Amino acid sequence: MPRTIRALRGATTVERDDPLLIREGVQELLEVLMEDNDLTPGEIISAVFTATPDLVSEFPAHAARVYGWDDVPLLCAQELAVPGSLPRCVRVMLHVETSRARNEMKHAYLRDAVLLRKDLLSD
């Protein structure tokens, strides 16, 4: 299959609003997405991060910079404060260049974020 641009989703949660925990959670999420999809840093086009309103001590994009994504365009936004939604959650949408088909992309939902996409859980 020829190379094309695909979107890749992921999310994770952290125990509390702590800069170190946010960095560790984001970096773990990025590592899983990269490994599960056989991606190299050069194939990452851009990343859009959101964080729930209860996470304000660290920018998820800063965690990606610390991870080594110095030349990747990054954006952070606040997730909508929907009553009853999953707390302390960081989400990401990566735009990547890949030869994988859309149905071959492996999205990653870690920790309590597995509740966001129960349809992706394996038996």
Protein backbone atom coordinates (compact mmCIF):
# COMPACT_ATOMS: atom_id res chain seq x y z
CA MET A 1 0.00 0.00 0.00
CA PRO A 2 1.35 3.47 -0.79
CA ARG A 3 2.19 5.87 2.04
CA THR A 4 -0.64 8.10 3.18
CA ILE A 5 -1.67 10.25 6.12
CA ARG A 6 -3.63 8.63 8.92
CA ALA A 7 -5.00 9.85 12.25
CA LEU A 8 -4.16 7.84 15.32
CA ARG A 9 -5.96 8.26 18.66
CA GLY A 10 -5.01 7.55 22.22
CA ALA A 11 -5.76 8.52 25.80
CA THR A 12 -4.55 7.88 29.31
CA THR A 13 -5.36 8.96 32.83
CA VAL A 14 -3.19 10.07 35.72
CA GLU A 15 -3.75 9.65 39.45
CA ARG A 16 -3.60 13.38 40.24
CA ASP A 17 -2.68 16.75 38.77
CA ASP A 18 1.09 16.46 39.05
CA PRO A 19 3.54 17.59 36.33
CA LEU A 20 5.67 14.46 36.65
CA LEU A 21 2.69 12.13 36.44
CA ILE A 22 1.36 13.96 33.40
CA ARG A 23 4.76 13.77 31.65
CA GLU A 24 5.11 10.07 32.48
CA GLY A 25 1.56 9.31 31.31
CA VAL A 26 1.93 11.20 28.03
CA GLN A 27 5.31 9.65 27.30
CA GLU A 28 4.00 6.15 28.02
CA LEU A 29 1.06 6.79 25.69
CA LEU A 30 3.33 8.03 22.91
CA GLU A 31 5.65 5.05 23.32
CA VAL A 32 2.74 2.60 23.02
CA LEU A 33 1.34 4.35 19.94
CA MET A 34 4.75 4.44 18.27
CA GLU A 35 5.60 0.82 19.08
CA ASP A 36 2.19 -0.67 18.28
CA ASN A 37 2.12 1.09 14.90
CA ASP A 38 5.82 0.62 14.00
CA LEU A 39 6.29 4.39 13.69
CA THR A 40 9.47 6.41 13.72
CA PRO A 41 9.63 10.04 14.91
CA GLY A 42 10.06 11.17 11.30
CA GLU A 43 6.63 9.77 10.41
CA ILE A 44 4.83 11.96 12.97
CA ILE A 45 3.30 14.94 11.16
CA SER A 46 1.61 16.66 14.12
CA ALA A 47 -0.11 16.01 17.44
CA VAL A 48 -3.15 17.56 19.09
CA PHE A 49 -3.47 16.98 22.83
CA THR A 50 -6.41 17.68 25.12
CA ALA A 51 -6.53 17.50 28.89
CA THR A 52 -9.54 17.54 31.17
CA PRO A 53 -10.07 20.76 33.17
CA ASP A 54 -8.72 19.11 36.33
CA LEU A 55 -5.21 18.82 34.79
CA VAL A 56 -3.53 22.23 34.81
CA SER A 57 -0.01 21.67 36.16
CA GLU A 58 1.64 20.62 32.87
CA PHE A 59 1.11 20.98 29.14
CA PRO A 60 0.87 17.55 27.49
CA ALA A 61 2.76 19.03 24.52
CA HIS A 62 5.65 19.86 26.86
CA ALA A 63 5.78 16.17 27.80
CA ALA A 64 6.08 15.35 24.09
CA ARG A 65 8.93 17.86 23.74
CA VAL A 66 10.73 16.26 26.69
CA TYR A 67 10.09 12.91 24.99
CA GLY A 68 12.15 14.23 22.07
CA TRP A 69 9.59 15.59 19.63
CA ASP A 70 11.45 18.86 19.08
CA ASP A 71 10.43 19.37 15.45
CA VAL A 72 6.85 18.05 15.55
CA PRO A 73 4.07 20.67 15.49
CA LEU A 74 2.11 20.23 18.75
CA LEU A 75 -1.08 21.79 20.08
CA CYS A 76 -2.82 21.59 23.47
CA ALA A 77 -6.46 22.31 24.25
CA GLN A 78 -8.80 21.79 27.15
CA GLU A 79 -11.30 18.94 26.87
CA LEU A 80 -14.95 19.87 27.30
CA ALA A 81 -16.09 19.80 30.92
CA VAL A 82 -19.00 17.40 30.40
CA PRO A 83 -20.62 16.37 33.70
CA GLY A 84 -19.77 12.77 34.56
CA SER A 85 -16.94 12.49 32.05
CA LEU A 86 -13.71 10.65 32.80
CA PRO A 87 -11.49 12.77 35.11
CA ARG A 88 -7.74 13.41 34.88
CA CYS A 89 -7.58 12.33 31.25
CA VAL A 90 -5.14 13.30 28.51
CA ARG A 91 -6.08 12.55 24.92
CA VAL A 92 -4.01 12.77 21.76
CA MET A 93 -4.65 12.67 18.04
CA LEU A 94 -1.53 12.02 16.00
CA HIS A 95 -1.32 12.66 12.29
CA VAL A 96 1.15 10.21 10.83
CA GLU A 97 2.56 9.15 7.50
CA THR A 98 2.22 5.39 7.06
CA SER A 99 1.61 2.62 4.59
CA ARG A 100 -0.88 0.96 6.94
CA ALA A 101 -4.54 0.80 6.02
CA ARG A 102 -6.96 2.66 8.29
CA ASN A 103 -8.20 -0.60 9.85
CA GLU A 104 -4.60 -1.59 10.66
CA MET A 105 -3.96 1.44 12.86
CA LYS A 106 -3.75 0.52 16.54
CA HIS A 107 -5.21 3.16 18.83
CA ALA A 108 -4.17 3.09 22.50
CA TYR A 109 -6.32 3.68 25.56
CA LEU A 110 -4.37 3.20 28.77
CA ARG A 111 -5.31 3.00 32.45
CA ASP A 112 -8.87 4.24 33.11
CA ALA A 113 -9.09 5.60 29.57
CA VAL A 114 -9.97 2.08 28.39
CA LEU A 115 -13.49 3.08 29.43
CA LEU A 116 -13.59 5.60 26.57
CA ARG A 117 -13.34 2.92 23.88
CA LYS A 118 -14.62 -0.39 25.21
CA ASP A 119 -15.12 -1.44 21.59
CA LEU A 120 -11.33 -1.62 21.17
CA LEU A 121 -10.76 -3.99 24.09
CA SER A 122 -9.54 -7.42 23.12
CA ASP A 123 -11.18 -10.49 24.63
